[in-house]
Amino acid sequence: MLTKGSKAYSILKMKCPRCHDGDIFFNANPYVLSQFGKMHDRCPVCDLKYDMEPGFFLGAMYVSYGLGIAVAFPSGFIFSQLFPDLKLYQVIGLVLIEIILLMPILYYLSRSIWLNIFVAYRKN
């Protein structure tokens, strides 16, 4: 599943969707806030232009929203089952804290997924 040539490899390792060798971000750790969100303009290996057109990554916001929902609903259910004494607003508060803490990861993943939707892998 996580072998070079699969979409999952490119998405989770934050690698170029075309060559699977070059990095998308300067630093793959989203919690290094001094370099948060800084992307290469082009793949350092195959020279793929990441920002294909103006506003290209606006679509990644929809992916990020979907990822956030995919995290929030199961988490809310799990919190409510593990801690049945919590009130609804407390469960929502816990889910919001979780989403805020995961926001950098969701940002990186959404951009990686968005690139992989539009670019196919090419074996060198």
PDB file of N, CA and C in Angstrom:
ATOM      1  N   MET A   1       0.820  -1.198   0.000  1.00  0.00           N
ATOM      2  CA  MET A   1       0.000   0.000   0.000  1.00  0.00           C
ATOM      3  C   MET A   1       0.863   1.262   0.000  1.00  0.00           C
ATOM      4  N   LEU A   2       1.858   1.314   0.877  1.00  0.00           N
ATOM      5  CA  LEU A   2       2.720   2.494   0.928  1.00  0.00           C
ATOM      6  C   LEU A   2       4.005   2.266   0.151  1.00  0.00           C
ATOM      7  N   THR A   3       3.864   1.792  -1.069  1.00  0.00           N
ATOM      8  CA  THR A   3       5.025   1.599  -1.917  1.00  0.00           C
ATOM      9  C   THR A   3       5.066   2.715  -2.953  1.00  0.00           C
ATOM     10  N   LYS A   4       6.269   2.998  -3.393  1.00  0.00           N
ATOM     11  CA  LYS A   4       6.438   4.030  -4.406  1.00  0.00           C
ATOM     12  C   LYS A   4       5.608   3.661  -5.631  1.00  0.00           C
ATOM     13  N   GLY A   5       4.870   4.615  -6.129  1.00  0.00           N
ATOM     14  CA  GLY A   5       3.987   4.386  -7.270  1.00  0.00           C
ATOM     15  C   GLY A   5       2.519   4.425  -6.890  1.00  0.00           C
ATOM     16  N   SER A   6       2.232   4.400  -5.587  1.00  0.00           N
ATOM     17  CA  SER A   6       0.836   4.469  -5.160  1.00  0.00           C
ATOM     18  C   SER A   6       0.500   5.889  -4.714  1.00  0.00           C
ATOM     19  N   LYS A   7      -0.755   6.235  -4.870  1.00  0.00           N
ATOM     20  CA  LYS A   7      -1.210   7.558  -4.434  1.00  0.00           C
ATOM     21  C   LYS A   7      -1.024   7.731  -2.928  1.00  0.00           C
ATOM     22  N   ALA A   8      -1.286   6.665  -2.172  1.00  0.00           N
ATOM     23  CA  ALA A   8      -1.153   6.740  -0.712  1.00  0.00           C
ATOM     24  C   ALA A   8       0.279   7.089  -0.315  1.00  0.00           C
ATOM     25  N   TYR A   9       1.254   6.539  -1.028  1.00  0.00           N
ATOM     26  CA  TYR A   9       2.658   6.849  -0.750  1.00  0.00           C
ATOM     27  C   TYR A   9       2.925   8.339  -0.936  1.00  0.00           C
ATOM     28  N   SER A  10       2.504   8.857  -2.081  1.00  0.00           N
ATOM     29  CA  SER A  10       2.730  10.269  -2.393  1.00  0.00           C
ATOM     30  C   SER A  10       2.022  11.184  -1.390  1.00  0.00           C
ATOM     31  N   ILE A  11       0.786  10.842  -1.042  1.00  0.00           N
ATOM     32  CA  ILE A  11       0.003  11.690  -0.144  1.00  0.00           C
ATOM     33  C   ILE A  11       0.582  11.684   1.260  1.00  0.00           C
ATOM     34  N   LEU A  12       0.817  10.510   1.807  1.00  0.00           N
ATOM     35  CA  LEU A  12       1.254  10.416   3.205  1.00  0.00           C
ATOM     36  C   LEU A  12       2.702  10.806   3.413  1.00  0.00           C
ATOM     37  N   LYS A  13       3.556  10.595   2.407  1.00  0.00           N
ATOM     38  CA  LYS A  13       4.965  10.974   2.523  1.00  0.00           C
ATOM     39  C   LYS A  13       5.220  12.406   2.044  1.00  0.00           C
ATOM     40  N   MET A  14       4.145  13.081   1.554  1.00  0.00           N
ATOM     41  CA  MET A  14       4.244  14.457   1.042  1.00  0.00           C
ATOM     42  C   MET A  14       5.280  14.561  -0.080  1.00  0.00           C
ATOM     43  N   LYS A  15       5.205  13.620  -1.012  1.00  0.00           N
ATOM     44  CA  LYS A  15       6.127  13.571  -2.142  1.00  0.00           C
ATOM     45  C   LYS A  15       5.434  14.035  -3.408  1.00  0.00           C
ATOM     46  N   CYS A  16       6.224  14.425  -4.379  1.00  0.00           N
ATOM     47  CA  CYS A  16       5.710  14.870  -5.680  1.00  0.00           C
ATOM     48  C   CYS A  16       4.820  13.779  -6.267  1.00  0.00           C
ATOM     49  N   PRO A  17       3.627  14.131  -6.744  1.00  0.00           N
ATOM     50  CA  PRO A  17       2.730  13.110  -7.293  1.00  0.00           C
ATOM     51  C   PRO A  17       3.221  12.511  -8.612  1.00  0.00           C
ATOM     52  N   ARG A  18       4.100  13.214  -9.309  1.00  0.00           N
ATOM     53  CA  ARG A  18       4.576  12.696 -10.597  1.00  0.00           C
ATOM     54  C   ARG A  18       5.742  11.723 -10.422  1.00  0.00           C
ATOM     55  N   CYS A  19       6.775  12.098  -9.645  1.00  0.00           N
ATOM     56  CA  CYS A  19       7.975  11.260  -9.546  1.00  0.00           C
ATOM     57  C   CYS A  19       8.089  10.502  -8.223  1.00  0.00           C
ATOM     58  N   HIS A  20       7.373  10.917  -7.210  1.00  0.00           N
ATOM     59  CA  HIS A  20       7.398  10.324  -5.867  1.00  0.00           C
ATOM     60  C   HIS A  20       8.774  10.404  -5.211  1.00  0.00           C
ATOM     61  N   ASP A  21       9.624  11.308  -5.695  1.00  0.00           N
ATOM     62  CA  ASP A  21      10.950  11.500  -5.091  1.00  0.00           C
ATOM     63  C   ASP A  21      11.095  12.875  -4.463  1.00  0.00           C
ATOM     64  N   GLY A  22      10.661  13.912  -5.158  1.00  0.00           N
ATOM     65  CA  GLY A  22      10.813  15.272  -4.655  1.00  0.00           C
ATOM     66  C   GLY A  22       9.805  15.592  -3.566  1.00  0.00           C
ATOM     67  N   ASP A  23      10.204  16.443  -2.642  1.00  0.00           N
ATOM     68  CA  ASP A  23       9.307  16.863  -1.564  1.00  0.00           C
ATOM     69  C   ASP A  23       8.391  17.985  -2.041  1.00  0.00           C
ATOM     70  N   ILE A  24       7.165  17.989  -1.540  1.00  0.00           N
ATOM     71  CA  ILE A  24       6.228  19.065  -1.843  1.00  0.00           C
ATOM     72  C   ILE A  24       6.531  20.273  -0.960  1.00  0.00           C
ATOM     73  N   PHE A  25       6.764  20.012   0.321  1.00  0.00           N
ATOM     74  CA  PHE A  25       6.999  21.071   1.297  1.00  0.00           C
ATOM     75  C   PHE A  25       8.472  21.140   1.661  1.00  0.00           C
ATOM     76  N   PHE A  26       8.929  22.325   2.045  1.00  0.00           N
ATOM     77  CA  PHE A  26      10.311  22.483   2.486  1.00  0.00           C
ATOM     78  C   PHE A  26      10.587  21.610   3.704  1.00  0.00           C
ATOM     79  N   ASN A  27       9.646  21.551   4.611  1.00  0.00           N
ATOM     80  CA  ASN A  27       9.777  20.727   5.800  1.00  0.00           C
ATOM     81  C   ASN A  27       8.511  19.885   5.911  1.00  0.00           C
ATOM     82  N   ALA A  28       8.662  18.568   5.915  1.00  0.00           N
ATOM     83  CA  ALA A  28       7.496  17.679   5.947  1.00  0.00           C
ATOM     84  C   ALA A  28       6.811  17.662   7.305  1.00  0.00           C
ATOM     85  N   ASN A  29       7.431  18.243   8.324  1.00  0.00           N
ATOM     86  CA  ASN A  29       6.815  18.310   9.649  1.00  0.00           C
ATOM     87  C   ASN A  29       5.960  19.573   9.725  1.00  0.00           C
ATOM     88  N   PRO A  30       4.639  19.436   9.773  1.00  0.00           N
ATOM     89  CA  PRO A  30       3.777  20.628   9.771  1.00  0.00           C
ATOM     90  C   PRO A  30       3.839  21.439  11.058  1.00  0.00           C
ATOM     91  N   TYR A  31       4.464  20.902  12.096  1.00  0.00           N
ATOM     92  CA  TYR A  31       4.516  21.620  13.366  1.00  0.00           C
ATOM     93  C   TYR A  31       5.777  22.466  13.525  1.00  0.00           C
ATOM     94  N   VAL A  32       6.613  22.545  12.484  1.00  0.00           N
ATOM     95  CA  VAL A  32       7.722  23.499  12.470  1.00  0.00           C
ATOM     96  C   VAL A  32       7.125  24.801  11.949  1.00  0.00           C
ATOM     97  N   LEU A  33       6.670  25.624  12.869  1.00  0.00           N
ATOM     98  CA  LEU A  33       5.859  26.793  12.493  1.00  0.00           C
ATOM     99  C   LEU A  33       6.630  27.844  11.710  1.00  0.00           C
ATOM    100  N   SER A  34       7.958  27.883  11.826  1.00  0.00           N
ATOM    101  CA  SER A  34       8.724  28.875  11.061  1.00  0.00           C
ATOM    102  C   SER A  34       8.692  28.561   9.565  1.00  0.00           C
ATOM    103  N   GLN A  35       8.419  27.310   9.205  1.00  0.00           N
ATOM    104  CA  GLN A  35       8.349  26.929   7.797  1.00  0.00           C
ATOM    105  C   GLN A  35       6.972  26.378   7.421  1.00  0.00           C
ATOM    106  N   PHE A  36       5.983  26.651   8.244  1.00  0.00           N
ATOM    107  CA  PHE A  36       4.649  26.090   8.006  1.00  0.00           C
ATOM    108  C   PHE A  36       4.098  26.526   6.661  1.00  0.00           C
ATOM    109  N   GLY A  37       3.678  25.553   5.878  1.00  0.00           N
ATOM    110  CA  GLY A  37       3.011  25.819   4.606  1.00  0.00           C
ATOM    111  C   GLY A  37       3.916  26.230   3.469  1.00  0.00           C
ATOM    112  N   LYS A  38       5.217  26.326   3.686  1.00  0.00           N
ATOM    113  CA  LYS A  38       6.112  26.742   2.608  1.00  0.00           C
ATOM    114  C   LYS A  38       6.338  25.561   1.668  1.00  0.00           C
ATOM    115  N   MET A  39       5.917  25.778   0.429  1.00  0.00           N
ATOM    116  CA  MET A  39       6.023  24.737  -0.588  1.00  0.00           C
ATOM    117  C   MET A  39       7.080  25.117  -1.609  1.00  0.00           C
ATOM    118  N   HIS A  40       7.670  24.097  -2.204  1.00  0.00           N
ATOM    119  CA  HIS A  40       8.534  24.341  -3.360  1.00  0.00           C
ATOM    120  C   HIS A  40       7.636  24.806  -4.508  1.00  0.00           C
ATOM    121  N   ASP A  41       8.127  25.717  -5.335  1.00  0.00           N
ATOM    122  CA  ASP A  41       7.362  26.126  -6.512  1.00  0.00           C
ATOM    123  C   ASP A  41       7.274  24.985  -7.525  1.00  0.00           C
ATOM    124  N   ARG A  42       8.380  24.264  -7.631  1.00  0.00           N
ATOM    125  CA  ARG A  42       8.480  23.137  -8.555  1.00  0.00           C
ATOM    126  C   ARG A  42       9.130  21.963  -7.835  1.00  0.00           C
ATOM    127  N   CYS A  43       8.874  20.790  -8.351  1.00  0.00           N
ATOM    128  CA  CYS A  43       9.508  19.596  -7.786  1.00  0.00           C
ATOM    129  C   CYS A  43      11.015  19.688  -8.013  1.00  0.00           C
ATOM    130  N   PRO A  44      11.822  19.505  -6.972  1.00  0.00           N
ATOM    131  CA  PRO A  44      13.271  19.573  -7.143  1.00  0.00           C
ATOM    132  C   PRO A  44      13.823  18.431  -8.005  1.00  0.00           C
ATOM    133  N   VAL A  45      13.045  17.380  -8.243  1.00  0.00           N
ATOM    134  CA  VAL A  45      13.537  16.235  -9.007  1.00  0.00           C
ATOM    135  C   VAL A  45      13.035  16.264 -10.455  1.00  0.00           C
ATOM    136  N   CYS A  46      11.720  16.356 -10.658  1.00  0.00           N
ATOM    137  CA  CYS A  46      11.161  16.255 -12.019  1.00  0.00           C
ATOM    138  C   CYS A  46      10.681  17.593 -12.586  1.00  0.00           C
ATOM    139  N   ASP A  47      10.779  18.647 -11.801  1.00  0.00           N
ATOM    140  CA  ASP A  47      10.427  20.005 -12.228  1.00  0.00           C
ATOM    141  C   ASP A  47       8.931  20.218 -12.477  1.00  0.00           C
ATOM    142  N   LEU A  48       8.070  19.409 -11.858  1.00  0.00           N
ATOM    143  CA  LEU A  48       6.624  19.614 -11.952  1.00  0.00           C
ATOM    144  C   LEU A  48       6.266  20.917 -11.234  1.00  0.00           C
ATOM    145  N   LYS A  49       5.516  21.769 -11.908  1.00  0.00           N
ATOM    146  CA  LYS A  49       5.055  23.000 -11.278  1.00  0.00           C
ATOM    147  C   LYS A  49       3.870  22.668 -10.386  1.00  0.00           C
ATOM    148  N   TYR A  50       4.008  22.913  -9.077  1.00  0.00           N
ATOM    149  CA  TYR A  50       2.961  22.537  -8.129  1.00  0.00           C
ATOM    150  C   TYR A  50       1.745  23.449  -8.213  1.00  0.00           C
ATOM    151  N   ASP A  51       1.963  24.753  -8.315  1.00  0.00           N
ATOM    152  CA  ASP A  51       0.843  25.697  -8.398  1.00  0.00           C
ATOM    153  C   ASP A  51       0.510  25.881  -9.877  1.00  0.00           C
ATOM    154  N   MET A  52      -0.337  25.006 -10.395  1.00  0.00           N
ATOM    155  CA  MET A  52      -0.557  24.901 -11.833  1.00  0.00           C
ATOM    156  C   MET A  52      -1.245  26.107 -12.453  1.00  0.00           C
ATOM    157  N   GLU A  53      -2.045  26.797 -11.671  1.00  0.00           N
ATOM    158  CA  GLU A  53      -2.736  27.996 -12.157  1.00  0.00           C
ATOM    159  C   GLU A  53      -3.054  28.866 -10.946  1.00  0.00           C
ATOM    160  N   PRO A  54      -3.344  30.141 -11.169  1.00  0.00           N
ATOM    161  CA  PRO A  54      -3.681  30.997 -10.022  1.00  0.00           C
ATOM    162  C   PRO A  54      -4.897  30.448  -9.271  1.00  0.00           C
ATOM    163  N   GLY A  55      -4.777  30.356  -7.970  1.00  0.00           N
ATOM    164  CA  GLY A  55      -5.866  29.868  -7.149  1.00  0.00           C
ATOM    165  C   GLY A  55      -6.028  28.356  -7.159  1.00  0.00           C
ATOM    166  N   PHE A  56      -5.024  27.641  -7.659  1.00  0.00           N
ATOM    167  CA  PHE A  56      -5.125  26.180  -7.780  1.00  0.00           C
ATOM    168  C   PHE A  56      -5.445  25.517  -6.439  1.00  0.00           C
ATOM    169  N   PHE A  57      -4.813  25.960  -5.381  1.00  0.00           N
ATOM    170  CA  PHE A  57      -4.984  25.294  -4.090  1.00  0.00           C
ATOM    171  C   PHE A  57      -6.237  25.735  -3.329  1.00  0.00           C
ATOM    172  N   LEU A  58      -7.065  26.585  -3.930  1.00  0.00           N
ATOM    173  CA  LEU A  58      -8.345  26.900  -3.289  1.00  0.00           C
ATOM    174  C   LEU A  58      -9.214  25.654  -3.177  1.00  0.00           C
ATOM    175  N   GLY A  59      -9.078  24.762  -4.126  1.00  0.00           N
ATOM    176  CA  GLY A  59      -9.831  23.512  -4.080  1.00  0.00           C
ATOM    177  C   GLY A  59      -9.417  22.623  -2.921  1.00  0.00           C
ATOM    178  N   ALA A  60      -8.200  22.795  -2.449  1.00  0.00           N
ATOM    179  CA  ALA A  60      -7.721  22.004  -1.306  1.00  0.00           C
ATOM    180  C   ALA A  60      -8.503  22.344  -0.041  1.00  0.00           C
ATOM    181  N   MET A  61      -9.148  23.512  -0.030  1.00  0.00           N
ATOM    182  CA  MET A  61      -9.976  23.870   1.133  1.00  0.00           C
ATOM    183  C   MET A  61     -11.145  22.900   1.280  1.00  0.00           C
ATOM    184  N   TYR A  62     -11.707  22.461   0.164  1.00  0.00           N
ATOM    185  CA  TYR A  62     -12.806  21.502   0.217  1.00  0.00           C
ATOM    186  C   TYR A  62     -12.320  20.156   0.757  1.00  0.00           C
ATOM    187  N   VAL A  63     -11.122  19.768   0.338  1.00  0.00           N
ATOM    188  CA  VAL A  63     -10.534  18.528   0.837  1.00  0.00           C
ATOM    189  C   VAL A  63     -10.283  18.651   2.342  1.00  0.00           C
ATOM    190  N   SER A  64      -9.764  19.796   2.761  1.00  0.00           N
ATOM    191  CA  SER A  64      -9.494  20.029   4.178  1.00  0.00           C
ATOM    192  C   SER A  64     -10.779  19.974   4.998  1.00  0.00           C
ATOM    193  N   TYR A  65     -11.842  20.529   4.458  1.00  0.00           N
ATOM    194  CA  TYR A  65     -13.138  20.489   5.127  1.00  0.00           C
ATOM    195  C   TYR A  65     -13.599  19.040   5.304  1.00  0.00           C
ATOM    196  N   GLY A  66     -13.468  18.255   4.242  1.00  0.00           N
ATOM    197  CA  GLY A  66     -13.845  16.843   4.312  1.00  0.00           C
ATOM    198  C   GLY A  66     -13.020  16.071   5.321  1.00  0.00           C
ATOM    199  N   LEU A  67     -11.718  16.357   5.362  1.00  0.00           N
ATOM    200  CA  LEU A  67     -10.858  15.702   6.347  1.00  0.00           C
ATOM    201  C   LEU A  67     -11.258  16.097   7.766  1.00  0.00           C
ATOM    202  N   GLY A  68     -11.576  17.369   7.953  1.00  0.00           N
ATOM    203  CA  GLY A  68     -11.997  17.839   9.272  1.00  0.00           C
ATOM    204  C   GLY A  68     -13.273  17.154   9.733  1.00  0.00           C
ATOM    205  N   ILE A  69     -14.224  17.005   8.819  1.00  0.00           N
ATOM    206  CA  ILE A  69     -15.474  16.313   9.140  1.00  0.00           C
ATOM    207  C   ILE A  69     -15.201  14.840   9.441  1.00  0.00           C
ATOM    208  N   ALA A  70     -14.290  14.241   8.655  1.00  0.00           N
ATOM    209  CA  ALA A  70     -13.951  12.830   8.855  1.00  0.00           C
ATOM    210  C   ALA A  70     -13.284  12.589  10.208  1.00  0.00           C
ATOM    211  N   VAL A  71     -12.664  13.610  10.762  1.00  0.00           N
ATOM    212  CA  VAL A  71     -12.058  13.507  12.095  1.00  0.00           C
ATOM    213  C   VAL A  71     -13.082  13.864  13.171  1.00  0.00           C
ATOM    214  N   ALA A  72     -13.868  14.895  12.949  1.00  0.00           N
ATOM    215  CA  ALA A  72     -14.745  15.447  13.986  1.00  0.00           C
ATOM    216  C   ALA A  72     -15.878  14.501  14.391  1.00  0.00           C
ATOM    217  N   PHE A  73     -16.581  13.947  13.424  1.00  0.00           N
ATOM    218  CA  PHE A  73     -17.743  13.118  13.773  1.00  0.00           C
ATOM    219  C   PHE A  73     -17.375  11.849  14.534  1.00  0.00           C
ATOM    220  N   PRO A  74     -16.408  11.068  14.051  1.00  0.00           N
ATOM    221  CA  PRO A  74     -16.046   9.888  14.841  1.00  0.00           C
ATOM    222  C   PRO A  74     -15.483  10.254  16.219  1.00  0.00           C
ATOM    223  N   SER A  75     -14.720  11.336  16.276  1.00  0.00           N
ATOM    224  CA  SER A  75     -14.161  11.767  17.566  1.00  0.00           C
ATOM    225  C   SER A  75     -15.262  12.169  18.532  1.00  0.00           C
ATOM    226  N   GLY A  76     -16.235  12.906  18.046  1.00  0.00           N
ATOM    227  CA  GLY A  76     -17.354  13.299  18.890  1.00  0.00           C
ATOM    228  C   GLY A  76     -18.101  12.091  19.428  1.00  0.00           C
ATOM    229  N   PHE A  77     -18.305  11.105  18.557  1.00  0.00           N
ATOM    230  CA  PHE A  77     -18.991   9.885  18.980  1.00  0.00           C
ATOM    231  C   PHE A  77     -18.162   9.137  20.026  1.00  0.00           C
ATOM    232  N   ILE A  78     -16.863   9.020  19.767  1.00  0.00           N
ATOM    233  CA  ILE A  78     -15.987   8.308  20.713  1.00  0.00           C
ATOM    234  C   ILE A  78     -15.932   9.024  22.056  1.00  0.00           C
ATOM    235  N   PHE A  79     -15.780  10.355  22.032  1.00  0.00           N
ATOM    236  CA  PHE A  79     -15.756  11.114  23.288  1.00  0.00           C
ATOM    237  C   PHE A  79     -17.061  10.926  24.058  1.00  0.00           C
ATOM    238  N   SER A  80     -18.171  10.960  23.353  1.00  0.00           N
ATOM    239  CA  SER A  80     -19.466  10.833  24.042  1.00  0.00           C
ATOM    240  C   SER A  80     -19.673   9.431  24.612  1.00  0.00           C
ATOM    241  N   GLN A  81     -19.058   8.417  23.985  1.00  0.00           N
ATOM    242  CA  GLN A  81     -19.181   7.054  24.504  1.00  0.00           C
ATOM    243  C   GLN A  81     -18.209   6.776  25.641  1.00  0.00           C
ATOM    244  N   LEU A  82     -17.000   7.326  25.527  1.00  0.00           N
ATOM    245  CA  LEU A  82     -15.998   7.109  26.585  1.00  0.00           C
ATOM    246  C   LEU A  82     -16.321   7.888  27.855  1.00  0.00           C
ATOM    247  N   PHE A  83     -16.883   9.062  27.671  1.00  0.00           N
ATOM    248  CA  PHE A  83     -17.199   9.936  28.804  1.00  0.00           C
ATOM    249  C   PHE A  83     -18.683  10.292  28.767  1.00  0.00           C
ATOM    250  N   PRO A  84     -19.560   9.385  29.179  1.00  0.00           N
ATOM    251  CA  PRO A  84     -21.005   9.616  29.050  1.00  0.00           C
ATOM    252  C   PRO A  84     -21.524  10.757  29.926  1.00  0.00           C
ATOM    253  N   ASP A  85     -20.755  11.197  30.908  1.00  0.00           N
ATOM    254  CA  ASP A  85     -21.199  12.287  31.771  1.00  0.00           C
ATOM    255  C   ASP A  85     -20.981  13.668  31.151  1.00  0.00           C
ATOM    256  N   LEU A  86     -20.226  13.737  30.055  1.00  0.00           N
ATOM    257  CA  LEU A  86     -19.968  15.028  29.420  1.00  0.00           C
ATOM    258  C   LEU A  86     -21.228  15.570  28.756  1.00  0.00           C
ATOM    259  N   LYS A  87     -21.395  16.842  28.859  1.00  0.00           N
ATOM    260  CA  LYS A  87     -22.502  17.517  28.176  1.00  0.00           C
ATOM    261  C   LYS A  87     -22.107  17.733  26.712  1.00  0.00           C
ATOM    262  N   LEU A  88     -23.105  18.013  25.887  1.00  0.00           N
ATOM    263  CA  LEU A  88     -22.865  18.177  24.460  1.00  0.00           C
ATOM    264  C   LEU A  88     -21.840  19.276  24.183  1.00  0.00           C
ATOM    265  N   TYR A  89     -21.942  20.408  24.870  1.00  0.00           N
ATOM    266  CA  TYR A  89     -21.003  21.502  24.610  1.00  0.00           C
ATOM    267  C   TYR A  89     -19.582  21.122  25.013  1.00  0.00           C
ATOM    268  N   GLN A  90     -19.431  20.227  25.988  1.00  0.00           N
ATOM    269  CA  GLN A  90     -18.098  19.776  26.376  1.00  0.00           C
ATOM    270  C   GLN A  90     -17.498  18.847  25.316  1.00  0.00           C
ATOM    271  N   VAL A  91     -18.332  17.996  24.754  1.00  0.00           N
ATOM    272  CA  VAL A  91     -17.877  17.121  23.668  1.00  0.00           C
ATOM    273  C   VAL A  91     -17.472  17.969  22.462  1.00  0.00           C
ATOM    274  N   ILE A  92     -18.292  18.954  22.133  1.00  0.00           N
ATOM    275  CA  ILE A  92     -17.968  19.849  21.009  1.00  0.00           C
ATOM    276  C   ILE A  92     -16.668  20.591  21.289  1.00  0.00           C
ATOM    277  N   GLY A  93     -16.469  21.024  22.521  1.00  0.00           N
ATOM    278  CA  GLY A  93     -15.224  21.692  22.898  1.00  0.00           C
ATOM    279  C   GLY A  93     -14.011  20.791  22.722  1.00  0.00           C
ATOM    280  N   LEU A  94     -14.127  19.535  23.121  1.00  0.00           N
ATOM    281  CA  LEU A  94     -13.024  18.589  22.945  1.00  0.00           C
ATOM    282  C   LEU A  94     -12.722  18.357  21.467  1.00  0.00           C
ATOM    283  N   VAL A  95     -13.775  18.236  20.668  1.00  0.00           N
ATOM    284  CA  VAL A  95     -13.588  18.036  19.225  1.00  0.00           C
ATOM    285  C   VAL A  95     -12.932  19.269  18.605  1.00  0.00           C
ATOM    286  N   LEU A  96     -13.337  20.461  19.012  1.00  0.00           N
ATOM    287  CA  LEU A  96     -12.717  21.683  18.484  1.00  0.00           C
ATOM    288  C   LEU A  96     -11.240  21.765  18.842  1.00  0.00           C
ATOM    289  N   ILE A  97     -10.907  21.402  20.066  1.00  0.00           N
ATOM    290  CA  ILE A  97      -9.494  21.394  20.478  1.00  0.00           C
ATOM    291  C   ILE A  97      -8.711  20.404  19.622  1.00  0.00           C
ATOM    292  N   GLU A  98      -9.295  19.231  19.394  1.00  0.00           N
ATOM    293  CA  GLU A  98      -8.634  18.229  18.566  1.00  0.00           C
ATOM    294  C   GLU A  98      -8.415  18.746  17.143  1.00  0.00           C
ATOM    295  N   ILE A  99      -9.434  19.351  16.561  1.00  0.00           N
ATOM    296  CA  ILE A  99      -9.320  19.872  15.193  1.00  0.00           C
ATOM    297  C   ILE A  99      -8.261  20.969  15.119  1.00  0.00           C
ATOM    298  N   ILE A 100      -8.221  21.844  16.110  1.00  0.00           N
ATOM    299  CA  ILE A 100      -7.219  22.916  16.125  1.00  0.00           C
ATOM    300  C   ILE A 100      -5.815  22.332  16.200  1.00  0.00           C
ATOM    301  N   LEU A 101      -5.637  21.308  17.031  1.00  0.00           N
ATOM    302  CA  LEU A 101      -4.323  20.679  17.146  1.00  0.00           C
ATOM    303  C   LEU A 101      -3.927  19.932  15.871  1.00  0.00           C
ATOM    304  N   LEU A 102      -4.898  19.403  15.157  1.00  0.00           N
ATOM    305  CA  LEU A 102      -4.625  18.662  13.922  1.00  0.00           C
ATOM    306  C   LEU A 102      -4.607  19.543  12.674  1.00  0.00           C
ATOM    307  N   MET A 103      -4.933  20.814  12.819  1.00  0.00           N
ATOM    308  CA  MET A 103      -5.040  21.696  11.661  1.00  0.00           C
ATOM    309  C   MET A 103      -3.793  21.703  10.765  1.00  0.00           C
ATOM    310  N   PRO A 104      -2.580  21.784  11.319  1.00  0.00           N
ATOM    311  CA  PRO A 104      -1.416  21.759  10.418  1.00  0.00           C
ATOM    312  C   PRO A 104      -1.314  20.472   9.600  1.00  0.00           C
ATOM    313  N   ILE A 105      -1.618  19.342  10.210  1.00  0.00           N
ATOM    314  CA  ILE A 105      -1.566  18.067   9.485  1.00  0.00           C
ATOM    315  C   ILE A 105      -2.639  18.040   8.402  1.00  0.00           C
ATOM    316  N   LEU A 106      -3.840  18.489   8.731  1.00  0.00           N
ATOM    317  CA  LEU A 106      -4.929  18.495   7.749  1.00  0.00           C
ATOM    318  C   LEU A 106      -4.610  19.420   6.577  1.00  0.00           C
ATOM    319  N   TYR A 107      -3.946  20.547   6.863  1.00  0.00           N
ATOM    320  CA  TYR A 107      -3.546  21.486   5.810  1.00  0.00           C
ATOM    321  C   TYR A 107      -2.578  20.812   4.831  1.00  0.00           C
ATOM    322  N   TYR A 108      -1.555  20.170   5.379  1.00  0.00           N
ATOM    323  CA  TYR A 108      -0.561  19.509   4.531  1.00  0.00           C
ATOM    324  C   TYR A 108      -1.203  18.366   3.739  1.00  0.00           C
ATOM    325  N   LEU A 109      -2.002  17.560   4.410  1.00  0.00           N
ATOM    326  CA  LEU A 109      -2.644  16.438   3.732  1.00  0.00           C
ATOM    327  C   LEU A 109      -3.585  16.905   2.625  1.00  0.00           C
ATOM    328  N   SER A 110      -4.335  17.971   2.882  1.00  0.00           N
ATOM    329  CA  SER A 110      -5.291  18.437   1.875  1.00  0.00           C
ATOM    330  C   SER A 110      -4.573  18.921   0.623  1.00  0.00           C
ATOM    331  N   ARG A 111      -3.464  19.598   0.776  1.00  0.00           N
ATOM    332  CA  ARG A 111      -2.709  20.042  -0.405  1.00  0.00           C
ATOM    333  C   ARG A 111      -2.099  18.860  -1.146  1.00  0.00           C
ATOM    334  N   SER A 112      -1.597  17.902  -0.403  1.00  0.00           N
ATOM    335  CA  SER A 112      -1.020  16.709  -1.018  1.00  0.00           C
ATOM    336  C   SER A 112      -2.091  15.908  -1.769  1.00  0.00           C
ATOM    337  N   ILE A 113      -3.255  15.753  -1.161  1.00  0.00           N
ATOM    338  CA  ILE A 113      -4.359  15.043  -1.821  1.00  0.00           C
ATOM    339  C   ILE A 113      -4.794  15.792  -3.074  1.00  0.00           C
ATOM    340  N   TRP A 114      -4.922  17.116  -2.969  1.00  0.00           N
ATOM    341  CA  TRP A 114      -5.374  17.923  -4.106  1.00  0.00           C
ATOM    342  C   TRP A 114      -4.414  17.788  -5.287  1.00  0.00           C
ATOM    343  N   LEU A 115      -3.114  17.818  -5.029  1.00  0.00           N
ATOM    344  CA  LEU A 115      -2.144  17.634  -6.103  1.00  0.00           C
ATOM    345  C   LEU A 115      -2.288  16.246  -6.727  1.00  0.00           C
ATOM    346  N   ASN A 116      -2.488  15.241  -5.888  1.00  0.00           N
ATOM    347  CA  ASN A 116      -2.568  13.874  -6.390  1.00  0.00           C
ATOM    348  C   ASN A 116      -3.832  13.607  -7.193  1.00  0.00           C
ATOM    349  N   ILE A 117      -4.857  14.407  -7.002  1.00  0.00           N
ATOM    350  CA  ILE A 117      -6.071  14.260  -7.814  1.00  0.00           C
ATOM    351  C   ILE A 117      -5.772  14.605  -9.271  1.00  0.00           C
ATOM    352  N   PHE A 118      -4.897  15.573  -9.501  1.00  0.00           N
ATOM    353  CA  PHE A 118      -4.684  16.102 -10.845  1.00  0.00           C
ATOM    354  C   PHE A 118      -3.418  15.629 -11.540  1.00  0.00           C
ATOM    355  N   VAL A 119      -2.508  14.992 -10.805  1.00  0.00           N
ATOM    356  CA  VAL A 119      -1.235  14.587 -11.409  1.00  0.00           C
ATOM    357  C   VAL A 119      -1.051  13.082 -11.217  1.00  0.00           C
ATOM    358  N   ALA A 120      -0.719  12.402 -12.300  1.00  0.00           N
ATOM    359  CA  ALA A 120      -0.506  10.953 -12.260  1.00  0.00           C
ATOM    360  C   ALA A 120       0.976  10.633 -12.075  1.00  0.00           C
ATOM    361  N   TYR A 121       1.238   9.489 -11.502  1.00  0.00           N
ATOM    362  CA  TYR A 121       2.610   9.013 -11.309  1.00  0.00           C
ATOM    363  C   TYR A 121       3.207   8.576 -12.631  1.00  0.00           C
ATOM    364  N   ARG A 122       4.469   8.958 -12.860  1.00  0.00           N
ATOM    365  CA  ARG A 122       5.204   8.529 -14.046  1.00  0.00           C
ATOM    366  C   ARG A 122       6.461   7.803 -13.583  1.00  0.00           C
ATOM    367  N   LYS A 123       6.563   6.575 -13.956  1.00  0.00           N
ATOM    368  CA  LYS A 123       7.748   5.799 -13.600  1.00  0.00           C
ATOM    369  C   LYS A 123       8.937   6.313 -14.400  1.00  0.00           C
ATOM    370  N   ASN A 124      10.055   6.536 -13.708  1.00  0.00           N
ATOM    371  CA  ASN A 124      11.257   7.066 -14.413  1.00  0.00           C
ATOM    372  C   ASN A 124      11.949   6.025 -15.201  1.00  0.00           C
TER     373      ASN A 124
END
